[in-house]
């Protein structure tokens, strides 16, 4: 169950990162509020998952989901560049996440 909670926490990290971009430096009310609420939920879920998952594993997976998710949203919805080097970097991050999962206790 901790892994499911951790994945949800990572998805909320993507949400708050995208909302932060849309807040334009916290100058827009609704994206700013979504950012803050998303952060609270994400941190709370991360904290809950750390009850049974190792710190390094949980934190790496959480930040990795956020990084890859923000990367994907940036490309698909915000028109950011999709270059071979950026794709390779994303693949390396996902590979690291998979290895961390495999190396962690159930």
Protein backbone atom coordinates (compact mmCIF):
# COMPACT_ATOMS: atom_id res chain seq x y z
CA UNK A 1 0.00 0.00 0.00
CA UNK A 2 2.90 2.37 0.71
CA UNK A 3 3.99 2.16 -2.94
CA UNK A 4 0.52 3.15 -4.16
CA UNK A 5 0.46 6.11 -1.75
CA UNK A 6 3.95 7.09 -2.92
CA UNK A 7 2.88 7.06 -6.57
CA UNK A 8 -0.13 9.22 -5.75
CA UNK A 9 2.17 11.59 -3.84
CA UNK A 10 4.36 11.81 -6.95
CA UNK A 11 1.35 12.63 -9.12
CA UNK A 12 0.43 15.44 -6.74
CA UNK A 13 4.01 16.67 -7.10
CA UNK A 14 3.45 16.92 -10.84
CA UNK A 15 0.20 18.79 -10.19
CA UNK A 16 1.79 21.38 -7.95
CA UNK A 17 4.78 21.85 -10.23
CA UNK A 18 2.54 22.54 -13.22
CA UNK A 19 0.29 24.80 -11.14
CA UNK A 20 3.36 26.70 -9.93
CA UNK A 21 4.35 27.33 -13.55
CA UNK A 22 0.83 28.54 -14.28
CA UNK A 23 0.82 30.81 -11.21
CA UNK A 24 3.42 33.03 -12.90
CA UNK A 25 5.47 33.54 -9.76
CA UNK A 26 2.46 33.32 -7.45
CA UNK A 27 0.82 36.32 -9.10
CA UNK A 28 -2.33 34.38 -10.13
CA UNK A 29 -4.66 33.31 -7.32
CA UNK A 30 -6.11 29.95 -8.41
CA UNK A 31 -2.92 28.35 -9.72
CA UNK A 32 -1.18 29.58 -6.55
CA UNK A 33 -3.83 27.93 -4.37
CA UNK A 34 -3.63 24.70 -6.38
CA UNK A 35 0.15 24.78 -5.90
CA UNK A 36 -0.11 25.12 -2.12
CA UNK A 37 -2.84 22.51 -1.69
CA UNK A 38 -1.04 20.12 -4.04
CA UNK A 39 2.16 20.56 -2.05
CA UNK A 40 0.42 19.83 1.23
CA UNK A 41 -1.21 16.68 -0.13
CA UNK A 42 1.97 15.52 -1.84
CA UNK A 43 4.10 16.02 1.28
CA UNK A 44 1.50 14.37 3.51
CA UNK A 45 1.31 11.30 1.27
CA UNK A 46 5.09 11.13 0.96
CA UNK A 47 5.36 11.27 4.73
CA UNK A 48 2.79 8.49 5.10
CA UNK A 49 4.63 6.25 2.63
CA UNK A 50 7.89 6.79 4.54
CA UNK A 51 6.41 4.97 7.52
CA UNK A 52 7.29 1.72 5.81
CA UNK A 53 9.58 2.63 2.89
CA UNK A 54 13.23 3.61 3.26
CA UNK A 55 13.87 7.36 3.12
CA UNK A 56 16.21 7.26 0.13
CA UNK A 57 13.91 5.03 -1.90
CA UNK A 58 10.74 6.97 -1.15
CA UNK A 59 12.31 10.35 -1.81
CA UNK A 60 13.99 9.25 -5.03
CA UNK A 61 10.81 7.69 -6.42
CA UNK A 62 8.74 10.75 -5.40
CA UNK A 63 11.11 13.23 -7.03
CA UNK A 64 11.52 10.99 -10.08
CA UNK A 65 7.77 10.80 -10.67
CA UNK A 66 7.63 14.57 -10.32
CA UNK A 67 10.51 15.11 -12.71
CA UNK A 68 9.26 12.74 -15.40
CA UNK A 69 5.68 13.91 -14.99
CA UNK A 70 6.64 17.57 -15.27
CA UNK A 71 8.83 16.73 -18.27
CA UNK A 72 5.90 15.00 -20.00
CA UNK A 73 3.39 17.75 -19.19
CA UNK A 74 5.84 20.36 -20.42
CA UNK A 75 6.20 18.62 -23.75
CA UNK A 76 2.58 17.60 -24.30
CA UNK A 77 0.76 20.67 -22.98
CA UNK A 78 3.24 23.53 -22.75
CA UNK A 79 5.10 23.16 -26.02
CA UNK A 80 8.51 22.51 -24.48
CA UNK A 81 11.27 20.99 -26.60
CA UNK A 82 11.36 17.26 -27.20
CA UNK A 83 14.95 16.55 -28.19
CA UNK A 84 16.92 13.31 -28.29
CA UNK A 85 19.13 14.39 -25.38
CA UNK A 86 16.15 15.31 -23.20
CA UNK A 87 14.57 11.94 -24.04
CA UNK A 88 17.77 10.10 -23.09
CA UNK A 89 17.89 12.02 -19.80
CA UNK A 90 14.29 11.01 -19.06
CA UNK A 91 15.03 7.37 -19.90
CA UNK A 92 18.00 7.44 -17.51
CA UNK A 93 15.78 8.82 -14.74
CA UNK A 94 13.15 6.12 -15.31
CA UNK A 95 15.89 3.47 -15.38
CA UNK A 96 17.21 4.72 -12.06
CA UNK A 97 13.72 4.62 -10.57
CA UNK A 98 13.19 1.06 -11.76
CA UNK A 99 16.52 -0.05 -10.31
CA UNK A 100 15.74 1.64 -7.00
CA UNK A 101 12.37 -0.15 -6.85
CA UNK A 102 14.00 -3.49 -7.62
CA UNK A 103 16.66 -2.92 -4.98
CA UNK A 104 14.19 -1.96 -2.25
CA UNK A 105 12.44 -4.29 0.17
CA UNK A 106 8.79 -5.05 -0.52
